[in-house]
Amino acid sequence: MRVEEKLAKISNLRVDSANVIRNFLRNADDITLDNQNRLALPSALTDWAGISQKVIIIGVGDRLELWSPEELDTVDASMSEDEYAKLFEQIMGDVSL
């Protein structure tokens, strides 16, 4: 089930549920491609993500993640290859690549 479908099923009559929905969707924005199929990212999102001149785009299933190179380096450095291998095995089980 997609996030949008899950959010649609949450009752917004409860204050805590309404807060979750509002805060999750707070930075959502419709973006239109220009004539050369480029998109301009809203400055609020690039500021929040720390993206200035360069961006790293990572395909993750049916979505894209946009990272500042510095932030991605920080995340990558937070876990050793052995830690990642253990996490991969824990999450994915016995999946052969």
PDB file of N, CA and C in Angstrom:
ATOM      1  N   MET A   1       0.852  -1.180   0.000  1.00  0.00           N
ATOM      2  CA  MET A   1       0.000   0.000   0.000  1.00  0.00           C
ATOM      3  C   MET A   1       0.897   1.242   0.000  1.00  0.00           C
ATOM      4  N   ARG A   2       0.590   2.181  -0.872  1.00  0.00           N
ATOM      5  CA  ARG A   2       1.365   3.414  -0.976  1.00  0.00           C
ATOM      6  C   ARG A   2       1.068   4.337   0.206  1.00  0.00           C
ATOM      7  N   VAL A   3       1.999   5.214   0.476  1.00  0.00           N
ATOM      8  CA  VAL A   3       1.856   6.148   1.592  1.00  0.00           C
ATOM      9  C   VAL A   3       0.584   6.962   1.453  1.00  0.00           C
ATOM     10  N   GLU A   4       0.303   7.430   0.231  1.00  0.00           N
ATOM     11  CA  GLU A   4      -0.890   8.247   0.015  1.00  0.00           C
ATOM     12  C   GLU A   4      -2.159   7.476   0.375  1.00  0.00           C
ATOM     13  N   GLU A   5      -2.190   6.182   0.041  1.00  0.00           N
ATOM     14  CA  GLU A   5      -3.358   5.360   0.354  1.00  0.00           C
ATOM     15  C   GLU A   5      -3.506   5.180   1.860  1.00  0.00           C
ATOM     16  N   LYS A   6      -2.388   4.995   2.554  1.00  0.00           N
ATOM     17  CA  LYS A   6      -2.439   4.854   4.010  1.00  0.00           C
ATOM     18  C   LYS A   6      -2.914   6.150   4.660  1.00  0.00           C
ATOM     19  N   LEU A   7      -2.383   7.268   4.191  1.00  0.00           N
ATOM     20  CA  LEU A   7      -2.793   8.550   4.760  1.00  0.00           C
ATOM     21  C   LEU A   7      -4.271   8.818   4.522  1.00  0.00           C
ATOM     22  N   ALA A   8      -4.784   8.397   3.370  1.00  0.00           N
ATOM     23  CA  ALA A   8      -6.199   8.617   3.054  1.00  0.00           C
ATOM     24  C   ALA A   8      -7.108   7.838   3.994  1.00  0.00           C
ATOM     25  N   LYS A   9      -6.610   6.752   4.570  1.00  0.00           N
ATOM     26  CA  LYS A   9      -7.427   5.925   5.459  1.00  0.00           C
ATOM     27  C   LYS A   9      -7.405   6.403   6.908  1.00  0.00           C
ATOM     28  N   ILE A  10      -6.510   7.331   7.205  1.00  0.00           N
ATOM     29  CA  ILE A  10      -6.411   7.840   8.570  1.00  0.00           C
ATOM     30  C   ILE A  10      -7.501   8.880   8.794  1.00  0.00           C
ATOM     31  N   SER A  11      -8.169   8.767   9.918  1.00  0.00           N
ATOM     32  CA  SER A  11      -9.207   9.746  10.253  1.00  0.00           C
ATOM     33  C   SER A  11      -8.548  11.057  10.664  1.00  0.00           C
ATOM     34  N   ASN A  12      -8.904  12.131   9.983  1.00  0.00           N
ATOM     35  CA  ASN A  12      -8.344  13.425  10.362  1.00  0.00           C
ATOM     36  C   ASN A  12      -9.189  14.120  11.425  1.00  0.00           C
ATOM     37  N   LEU A  13     -10.138  13.396  12.003  1.00  0.00           N
ATOM     38  CA  LEU A  13     -10.945  13.951  13.083  1.00  0.00           C
ATOM     39  C   LEU A  13     -10.185  13.921  14.410  1.00  0.00           C
ATOM     40  N   ARG A  14      -9.194  13.040  14.511  1.00  0.00           N
ATOM     41  CA  ARG A  14      -8.356  12.994  15.710  1.00  0.00           C
ATOM     42  C   ARG A  14      -7.216  13.987  15.541  1.00  0.00           C
ATOM     43  N   VAL A  15      -6.926  14.718  16.582  1.00  0.00           N
ATOM     44  CA  VAL A  15      -5.895  15.750  16.515  1.00  0.00           C
ATOM     45  C   VAL A  15      -4.541  15.149  16.163  1.00  0.00           C
ATOM     46  N   ASP A  16      -4.174  14.028  16.793  1.00  0.00           N
ATOM     47  CA  ASP A  16      -2.868  13.445  16.519  1.00  0.00           C
ATOM     48  C   ASP A  16      -2.769  12.941  15.083  1.00  0.00           C
ATOM     49  N   SER A  17      -3.843  12.362  14.568  1.00  0.00           N
ATOM     50  CA  SER A  17      -3.848  11.894  13.179  1.00  0.00           C
ATOM     51  C   SER A  17      -3.742  13.067  12.211  1.00  0.00           C
ATOM     52  N   ALA A  18      -4.481  14.116  12.480  1.00  0.00           N
ATOM     53  CA  ALA A  18      -4.432  15.303  11.622  1.00  0.00           C
ATOM     54  C   ALA A  18      -3.028  15.909  11.627  1.00  0.00           C
ATOM     55  N   ASN A  19      -2.375  15.897  12.785  1.00  0.00           N
ATOM     56  CA  ASN A  19      -1.007  16.415  12.872  1.00  0.00           C
ATOM     57  C   ASN A  19      -0.036  15.585  12.036  1.00  0.00           C
ATOM     58  N   VAL A  20      -0.189  14.260  12.075  1.00  0.00           N
ATOM     59  CA  VAL A  20       0.676  13.385  11.281  1.00  0.00           C
ATOM     60  C   VAL A  20       0.494  13.680   9.799  1.00  0.00           C
ATOM     61  N   ILE A  21      -0.746  13.733   9.354  1.00  0.00           N
ATOM     62  CA  ILE A  21      -1.028  13.985   7.936  1.00  0.00           C
ATOM     63  C   ILE A  21      -0.472  15.342   7.515  1.00  0.00           C
ATOM     64  N   ARG A  22      -0.754  16.368   8.286  1.00  0.00           N
ATOM     65  CA  ARG A  22      -0.325  17.724   7.947  1.00  0.00           C
ATOM     66  C   ARG A  22       1.193  17.819   7.878  1.00  0.00           C
ATOM     67  N   ASN A  23       1.870  17.291   8.884  1.00  0.00           N
ATOM     68  CA  ASN A  23       3.325  17.410   8.918  1.00  0.00           C
ATOM     69  C   ASN A  23       4.004  16.553   7.863  1.00  0.00           C
ATOM     70  N   PHE A  24       3.413  15.402   7.534  1.00  0.00           N
ATOM     71  CA  PHE A  24       3.997  14.559   6.499  1.00  0.00           C
ATOM     72  C   PHE A  24       3.890  15.230   5.136  1.00  0.00           C
ATOM     73  N   LEU A  25       2.759  15.862   4.876  1.00  0.00           N
ATOM     74  CA  LEU A  25       2.515  16.465   3.562  1.00  0.00           C
ATOM     75  C   LEU A  25       2.916  17.939   3.477  1.00  0.00           C
ATOM     76  N   ARG A  26       3.403  18.477   4.561  1.00  0.00           N
ATOM     77  CA  ARG A  26       3.713  19.909   4.642  1.00  0.00           C
ATOM     78  C   ARG A  26       4.594  20.397   3.491  1.00  0.00           C
ATOM     79  N   ASN A  27       5.581  19.622   3.113  1.00  0.00           N
ATOM     80  CA  ASN A  27       6.519  20.069   2.084  1.00  0.00           C
ATOM     81  C   ASN A  27       6.219  19.511   0.706  1.00  0.00           C
ATOM     82  N   ALA A  28       5.070  18.875   0.547  1.00  0.00           N
ATOM     83  CA  ALA A  28       4.708  18.357  -0.775  1.00  0.00           C
ATOM     84  C   ALA A  28       4.440  19.526  -1.715  1.00  0.00           C
ATOM     85  N   ASP A  29       4.830  19.348  -2.963  1.00  0.00           N
ATOM     86  CA  ASP A  29       4.648  20.417  -3.935  1.00  0.00           C
ATOM     87  C   ASP A  29       4.514  19.805  -5.320  1.00  0.00           C
ATOM     88  N   ASP A  30       3.609  20.323  -6.120  1.00  0.00           N
ATOM     89  CA  ASP A  30       3.494  19.892  -7.510  1.00  0.00           C
ATOM     90  C   ASP A  30       4.585  20.580  -8.315  1.00  0.00           C
ATOM     91  N   ILE A  31       5.285  19.794  -9.110  1.00  0.00           N
ATOM     92  CA  ILE A  31       6.357  20.338  -9.934  1.00  0.00           C
ATOM     93  C   ILE A  31       6.072  19.960 -11.378  1.00  0.00           C
ATOM     94  N   THR A  32       6.154  20.938 -12.260  1.00  0.00           N
ATOM     95  CA  THR A  32       5.915  20.712 -13.683  1.00  0.00           C
ATOM     96  C   THR A  32       7.241  20.748 -14.427  1.00  0.00           C
ATOM     97  N   LEU A  33       7.418  19.814 -15.340  1.00  0.00           N
ATOM     98  CA  LEU A  33       8.618  19.813 -16.171  1.00  0.00           C
ATOM     99  C   LEU A  33       8.554  20.960 -17.169  1.00  0.00           C
ATOM    100  N   ASP A  34       9.721  21.526 -17.480  1.00  0.00           N
ATOM    101  CA  ASP A  34       9.742  22.571 -18.496  1.00  0.00           C
ATOM    102  C   ASP A  34       9.813  21.931 -19.883  1.00  0.00           C
ATOM    103  N   ASN A  35       9.972  22.740 -20.922  1.00  0.00           N
ATOM    104  CA  ASN A  35       9.971  22.233 -22.302  1.00  0.00           C
ATOM    105  C   ASN A  35      11.126  21.292 -22.607  1.00  0.00           C
ATOM    106  N   GLN A  36      12.166  21.330 -21.781  1.00  0.00           N
ATOM    107  CA  GLN A  36      13.304  20.439 -21.967  1.00  0.00           C
ATOM    108  C   GLN A  36      13.287  19.295 -20.950  1.00  0.00           C
ATOM    109  N   ASN A  37      12.120  19.054 -20.354  1.00  0.00           N
ATOM    110  CA  ASN A  37      11.918  17.986 -19.366  1.00  0.00           C
ATOM    111  C   ASN A  37      12.803  18.129 -18.132  1.00  0.00           C
ATOM    112  N   ARG A  38      13.069  19.354 -17.745  1.00  0.00           N
ATOM    113  CA  ARG A  38      13.800  19.623 -16.513  1.00  0.00           C
ATOM    114  C   ARG A  38      12.798  20.012 -15.438  1.00  0.00           C
ATOM    115  N   LEU A  39      13.200  19.825 -14.199  1.00  0.00           N
ATOM    116  CA  LEU A  39      12.347  20.284 -13.110  1.00  0.00           C
ATOM    117  C   LEU A  39      13.137  21.203 -12.211  1.00  0.00           C
ATOM    118  N   ALA A  40      12.459  22.186 -11.701  1.00  0.00           N
ATOM    119  CA  ALA A  40      13.061  23.121 -10.758  1.00  0.00           C
ATOM    120  C   ALA A  40      12.580  22.743  -9.365  1.00  0.00           C
ATOM    121  N   LEU A  41      13.518  22.433  -8.496  1.00  0.00           N
ATOM    122  CA  LEU A  41      13.151  22.062  -7.136  1.00  0.00           C
ATOM    123  C   LEU A  41      12.825  23.312  -6.331  1.00  0.00           C
ATOM    124  N   PRO A  42      11.769  23.261  -5.537  1.00  0.00           N
ATOM    125  CA  PRO A  42      11.428  24.419  -4.704  1.00  0.00           C
ATOM    126  C   PRO A  42      12.565  24.741  -3.731  1.00  0.00           C
ATOM    127  N   SER A  43      12.847  26.012  -3.558  1.00  0.00           N
ATOM    128  CA  SER A  43      13.965  26.418  -2.703  1.00  0.00           C
ATOM    129  C   SER A  43      13.787  25.951  -1.261  1.00  0.00           C
ATOM    130  N   ALA A  44      12.560  25.858  -0.790  1.00  0.00           N
ATOM    131  CA  ALA A  44      12.343  25.379   0.581  1.00  0.00           C
ATOM    132  C   ALA A  44      12.852  23.946   0.744  1.00  0.00           C
ATOM    133  N   LEU A  45      12.662  23.118  -0.279  1.00  0.00           N
ATOM    134  CA  LEU A  45      13.129  21.733  -0.199  1.00  0.00           C
ATOM    135  C   LEU A  45      14.645  21.637  -0.350  1.00  0.00           C
ATOM    136  N   THR A  46      15.220  22.414  -1.266  1.00  0.00           N
ATOM    137  CA  THR A  46      16.676  22.357  -1.421  1.00  0.00           C
ATOM    138  C   THR A  46      17.376  22.913  -0.182  1.00  0.00           C
ATOM    139  N   ASP A  47      16.800  23.944   0.423  1.00  0.00           N
ATOM    140  CA  ASP A  47      17.359  24.473   1.669  1.00  0.00           C
ATOM    141  C   ASP A  47      17.296  23.420   2.766  1.00  0.00           C
ATOM    142  N   TRP A  48      16.148  22.771   2.908  1.00  0.00           N
ATOM    143  CA  TRP A  48      15.958  21.749   3.939  1.00  0.00           C
ATOM    144  C   TRP A  48      16.928  20.589   3.741  1.00  0.00           C
ATOM    145  N   ALA A  49      17.145  20.183   2.487  1.00  0.00           N
ATOM    146  CA  ALA A  49      18.009  19.039   2.187  1.00  0.00           C
ATOM    147  C   ALA A  49      19.481  19.420   2.117  1.00  0.00           C
ATOM    148  N   GLY A  50      19.792  20.703   2.193  1.00  0.00           N
ATOM    149  CA  GLY A  50      21.173  21.140   2.104  1.00  0.00           C
ATOM    150  C   GLY A  50      21.746  21.017   0.707  1.00  0.00           C
ATOM    151  N   ILE A  51      20.887  21.066  -0.294  1.00  0.00           N
ATOM    152  CA  ILE A  51      21.319  20.956  -1.686  1.00  0.00           C
ATOM    153  C   ILE A  51      21.591  22.358  -2.212  1.00  0.00           C
ATOM    154  N   SER A  52      22.808  22.555  -2.744  1.00  0.00           N
ATOM    155  CA  SER A  52      23.118  23.874  -3.302  1.00  0.00           C
ATOM    156  C   SER A  52      23.384  23.755  -4.798  1.00  0.00           C
ATOM    157  N   GLN A  53      24.567  23.345  -5.178  1.00  0.00           N
ATOM    158  CA  GLN A  53      24.907  23.279  -6.599  1.00  0.00           C
ATOM    159  C   GLN A  53      24.777  21.880  -7.176  1.00  0.00           C
ATOM    160  N   LYS A  54      25.193  20.881  -6.419  1.00  0.00           N
ATOM    161  CA  LYS A  54      25.195  19.509  -6.917  1.00  0.00           C
ATOM    162  C   LYS A  54      24.174  18.681  -6.160  1.00  0.00           C
ATOM    163  N   VAL A  55      23.609  17.709  -6.867  1.00  0.00           N
ATOM    164  CA  VAL A  55      22.637  16.810  -6.258  1.00  0.00           C
ATOM    165  C   VAL A  55      22.939  15.395  -6.740  1.00  0.00           C
ATOM    166  N   ILE A  56      22.769  14.439  -5.860  1.00  0.00           N
ATOM    167  CA  ILE A  56      22.890  13.031  -6.226  1.00  0.00           C
ATOM    168  C   ILE A  56      21.484  12.460  -6.263  1.00  0.00           C
ATOM    169  N   ILE A  57      21.141  11.837  -7.379  1.00  0.00           N
ATOM    170  CA  ILE A  57      19.819  11.238  -7.556  1.00  0.00           C
ATOM    171  C   ILE A  57      19.976   9.727  -7.479  1.00  0.00           C
ATOM    172  N   ILE A  58      19.216   9.103  -6.575  1.00  0.00           N
ATOM    173  CA  ILE A  58      19.270   7.654  -6.393  1.00  0.00           C
ATOM    174  C   ILE A  58      17.884   7.094  -6.654  1.00  0.00           C
ATOM    175  N   GLY A  59      17.792   6.139  -7.572  1.00  0.00           N
ATOM    176  CA  GLY A  59      16.531   5.454  -7.826  1.00  0.00           C
ATOM    177  C   GLY A  59      16.275   4.433  -6.733  1.00  0.00           C
ATOM    178  N   VAL A  60      15.131   4.546  -6.077  1.00  0.00           N
ATOM    179  CA  VAL A  60      14.769   3.639  -4.990  1.00  0.00           C
ATOM    180  C   VAL A  60      13.386   3.086  -5.308  1.00  0.00           C
ATOM    181  N   GLY A  61      13.346   1.947  -5.997  1.00  0.00           N
ATOM    182  CA  GLY A  61      12.060   1.372  -6.388  1.00  0.00           C
ATOM    183  C   GLY A  61      11.327   2.302  -7.332  1.00  0.00           C
ATOM    184  N   ASP A  62      10.141   2.737  -6.912  1.00  0.00           N
ATOM    185  CA  ASP A  62       9.312   3.588  -7.773  1.00  0.00           C
ATOM    186  C   ASP A  62       9.414   5.067  -7.415  1.00  0.00           C
ATOM    187  N   ARG A  63      10.493   5.443  -6.748  1.00  0.00           N
ATOM    188  CA  ARG A  63      10.681   6.844  -6.380  1.00  0.00           C
ATOM    189  C   ARG A  63      12.146   7.216  -6.519  1.00  0.00           C
ATOM    190  N   LEU A  64      12.425   8.491  -6.411  1.00  0.00           N
ATOM    191  CA  LEU A  64      13.787   9.006  -6.462  1.00  0.00           C
ATOM    192  C   LEU A  64      14.119   9.670  -5.139  1.00  0.00           C
ATOM    193  N   GLU A  65      15.367   9.516  -4.706  1.00  0.00           N
ATOM    194  CA  GLU A  65      15.863  10.259  -3.560  1.00  0.00           C
ATOM    195  C   GLU A  65      16.870  11.275  -4.074  1.00  0.00           C
ATOM    196  N   LEU A  66      16.768  12.495  -3.591  1.00  0.00           N
ATOM    197  CA  LEU A  66      17.693  13.564  -3.954  1.00  0.00           C
ATOM    198  C   LEU A  66      18.534  13.884  -2.728  1.00  0.00           C
ATOM    199  N   TRP A  67      19.854  13.838  -2.877  1.00  0.00           N
ATOM    200  CA  TRP A  67      20.768  14.039  -1.757  1.00  0.00           C
ATOM    201  C   TRP A  67      21.791  15.112  -2.094  1.00  0.00           C
ATOM    202  N   SER A  68      22.165  15.880  -1.091  1.00  0.00           N
ATOM    203  CA  SER A  68      23.367  16.694  -1.240  1.00  0.00           C
ATOM    204  C   SER A  68      24.536  15.721  -1.097  1.00  0.00           C
ATOM    205  N   PRO A  69      25.595  15.895  -1.875  1.00  0.00           N
ATOM    206  CA  PRO A  69      26.730  14.972  -1.770  1.00  0.00           C
ATOM    207  C   PRO A  69      27.293  14.894  -0.350  1.00  0.00           C
ATOM    208  N   GLU A  70      27.339  16.018   0.338  1.00  0.00           N
ATOM    209  CA  GLU A  70      27.884  16.043   1.697  1.00  0.00           C
ATOM    210  C   GLU A  70      27.021  15.236   2.660  1.00  0.00           C
ATOM    211  N   GLU A  71      25.708  15.388   2.560  1.00  0.00           N
ATOM    212  CA  GLU A  71      24.802  14.660   3.454  1.00  0.00           C
ATOM    213  C   GLU A  71      24.865  13.163   3.182  1.00  0.00           C
ATOM    214  N   LEU A  72      24.923  12.772   1.915  1.00  0.00           N
ATOM    215  CA  LEU A  72      25.019  11.351   1.581  1.00  0.00           C
ATOM    216  C   LEU A  72      26.332  10.771   2.086  1.00  0.00           C
ATOM    217  N   ASP A  73      27.424  11.523   1.974  1.00  0.00           N
ATOM    218  CA  ASP A  73      28.704  11.067   2.517  1.00  0.00           C
ATOM    219  C   ASP A  73      28.606  10.837   4.019  1.00  0.00           C
ATOM    220  N   THR A  74      27.927  11.733   4.728  1.00  0.00           N
ATOM    221  CA  THR A  74      27.752  11.594   6.172  1.00  0.00           C
ATOM    222  C   THR A  74      26.968  10.334   6.504  1.00  0.00           C
ATOM    223  N   VAL A  75      25.879  10.105   5.776  1.00  0.00           N
ATOM    224  CA  VAL A  75      25.059   8.911   6.011  1.00  0.00           C
ATOM    225  C   VAL A  75      25.859   7.651   5.700  1.00  0.00           C
ATOM    226  N   ASP A  76      26.565   7.658   4.578  1.00  0.00           N
ATOM    227  CA  ASP A  76      27.370   6.494   4.195  1.00  0.00           C
ATOM    228  C   ASP A  76      28.455   6.197   5.224  1.00  0.00           C
ATOM    229  N   ALA A  77      29.071   7.241   5.772  1.00  0.00           N
ATOM    230  CA  ALA A  77      30.152   7.060   6.737  1.00  0.00           C
ATOM    231  C   ALA A  77      29.657   6.578   8.093  1.00  0.00           C
ATOM    232  N   SER A  78      28.355   6.682   8.332  1.00  0.00           N
ATOM    233  CA  SER A  78      27.814   6.298   9.637  1.00  0.00           C
ATOM    234  C   SER A  78      27.710   4.786   9.808  1.00  0.00           C
ATOM    235  N   MET A  79      27.955   4.011   8.745  1.00  0.00           N
ATOM    236  CA  MET A  79      27.825   2.564   8.829  1.00  0.00           C
ATOM    237  C   MET A  79      28.960   1.910   8.040  1.00  0.00           C
ATOM    238  N   SER A  80      29.649   0.971   8.688  1.00  0.00           N
ATOM    239  CA  SER A  80      30.725   0.257   7.999  1.00  0.00           C
ATOM    240  C   SER A  80      30.131  -0.753   7.020  1.00  0.00           C
ATOM    241  N   GLU A  81      30.972  -1.280   6.141  1.00  0.00           N
ATOM    242  CA  GLU A  81      30.497  -2.286   5.187  1.00  0.00           C
ATOM    243  C   GLU A  81      29.982  -3.526   5.910  1.00  0.00           C
ATOM    244  N   ASP A  82      30.659  -3.931   6.990  1.00  0.00           N
ATOM    245  CA  ASP A  82      30.202  -5.095   7.762  1.00  0.00           C
ATOM    246  C   ASP A  82      28.849  -4.828   8.416  1.00  0.00           C
ATOM    247  N   GLU A  83      28.675  -3.620   8.975  1.00  0.00           N
ATOM    248  CA  GLU A  83      27.386  -3.265   9.582  1.00  0.00           C
ATOM    249  C   GLU A  83      26.283  -3.269   8.532  1.00  0.00           C
ATOM    250  N   TYR A  84      26.594  -2.741   7.350  1.00  0.00           N
ATOM    251  CA  TYR A  84      25.602  -2.729   6.278  1.00  0.00           C
ATOM    252  C   TYR A  84      25.251  -4.150   5.854  1.00  0.00           C
ATOM    253  N   ALA A  85      26.255  -5.025   5.734  1.00  0.00           N
ATOM    254  CA  ALA A  85      26.008  -6.413   5.341  1.00  0.00           C
ATOM    255  C   ALA A  85      25.099  -7.109   6.353  1.00  0.00           C
ATOM    256  N   LYS A  86      25.330  -6.867   7.639  1.00  0.00           N
ATOM    257  CA  LYS A  86      24.473  -7.461   8.680  1.00  0.00           C
ATOM    258  C   LYS A  86      23.056  -6.906   8.592  1.00  0.00           C
ATOM    259  N   LEU A  87      22.937  -5.600   8.384  1.00  0.00           N
ATOM    260  CA  LEU A  87      21.619  -4.981   8.254  1.00  0.00           C
ATOM    261  C   LEU A  87      20.897  -5.516   7.030  1.00  0.00           C
ATOM    262  N   PHE A  88      21.614  -5.645   5.909  1.00  0.00           N
ATOM    263  CA  PHE A  88      21.023  -6.176   4.683  1.00  0.00           C
ATOM    264  C   PHE A  88      20.482  -7.580   4.921  1.00  0.00           C
ATOM    265  N   GLU A  89      21.283  -8.420   5.578  1.00  0.00           N
ATOM    266  CA  GLU A  89      20.849  -9.790   5.858  1.00  0.00           C
ATOM    267  C   GLU A  89      19.636  -9.799   6.785  1.00  0.00           C
ATOM    268  N   GLN A  90      19.628  -8.923   7.779  1.00  0.00           N
ATOM    269  CA  GLN A  90      18.505  -8.834   8.718  1.00  0.00           C
ATOM    270  C   GLN A  90      17.223  -8.426   8.001  1.00  0.00           C
ATOM    271  N   ILE A  91      17.312  -7.442   7.119  1.00  0.00           N
ATOM    272  CA  ILE A  91      16.136  -6.928   6.423  1.00  0.00           C
ATOM    273  C   ILE A  91      15.718  -7.832   5.277  1.00  0.00           C
ATOM    274  N   MET A  92      16.676  -8.277   4.485  1.00  0.00           N
ATOM    275  CA  MET A  92      16.379  -9.013   3.258  1.00  0.00           C
ATOM    276  C   MET A  92      16.377 -10.523   3.428  1.00  0.00           C
ATOM    277  N   GLY A  93      16.947 -11.014   4.514  1.00  0.00           N
ATOM    278  CA  GLY A  93      16.998 -12.458   4.693  1.00  0.00           C
ATOM    279  C   GLY A  93      18.012 -13.079   3.754  1.00  0.00           C
ATOM    280  N   ASP A  94      17.702 -14.265   3.291  1.00  0.00           N
ATOM    281  CA  ASP A  94      18.628 -15.025   2.449  1.00  0.00           C
ATOM    282  C   ASP A  94      18.323 -14.784   0.978  1.00  0.00           C
ATOM    283  N   VAL A  95      18.551 -13.556   0.532  1.00  0.00           N
ATOM    284  CA  VAL A  95      18.325 -13.208  -0.867  1.00  0.00           C
ATOM    285  C   VAL A  95      19.672 -13.234  -1.566  1.00  0.00           C
ATOM    286  N   SER A  96      19.798 -14.060  -2.590  1.00  0.00           N
ATOM    287  CA  SER A  96      21.062 -14.079  -3.322  1.00  0.00           C
ATOM    288  C   SER A  96      21.012 -13.039  -4.435  1.00  0.00           C
ATOM    289  N   LEU A  97      22.105 -12.346  -4.606  1.00  0.00           N
ATOM    290  CA  LEU A  97      22.180 -11.294  -5.624  1.00  0.00           C
ATOM    291  C   LEU A  97      22.831 -11.804  -6.870  1.00  0.00           C
TER     292      LEU A  97
END
